[in-house]
Amino acid sequence: METSKTLEQTLKVLELLKNSIIEDLLEGKEVSTEDAEGRVKNIVRDVARSFNVSDSTILDKCTRQLDISATEFYNLAVRYITKQDNELEEIVASNRRETIDSEAQTRVLLQKIRDN
């Protein structure tokens, strides 16, 4: 199953964000929106390096292309990862503009990250 770079990079940000949130929870830390933008930007930087692209390329795919801010992405990710709602999935699946990704494929890949 081939995926677009856009989806691949967005999924990687979500995966690293999930790992960070779970790590905080395991350490007994409260998951809050404090410095949400900073956390997203740090993860974006790591993903950008792994894909050999600029930070702004990755941030754009997780924010502007989804019509949300970095803080909103973080909040949506927290709610999605903790299974409070599926709003992030809805937003990502409905914003597959001009990519090779089907809506069903996008949802399956997002759920795989959330559920594993």
Foldseek 3Di string as FASTA:
>chain_A
DDWDPLLVLLLQLLLVLLVVVVVCVVVVHDDDLVCQLVVSLVSLCVSCVVVVHDSVVSLCSQDVLLPHHSSVSSVQSVCVLVVVDCVVLVSNLVSCPPIPDHSVNSSVSNVVSSVD
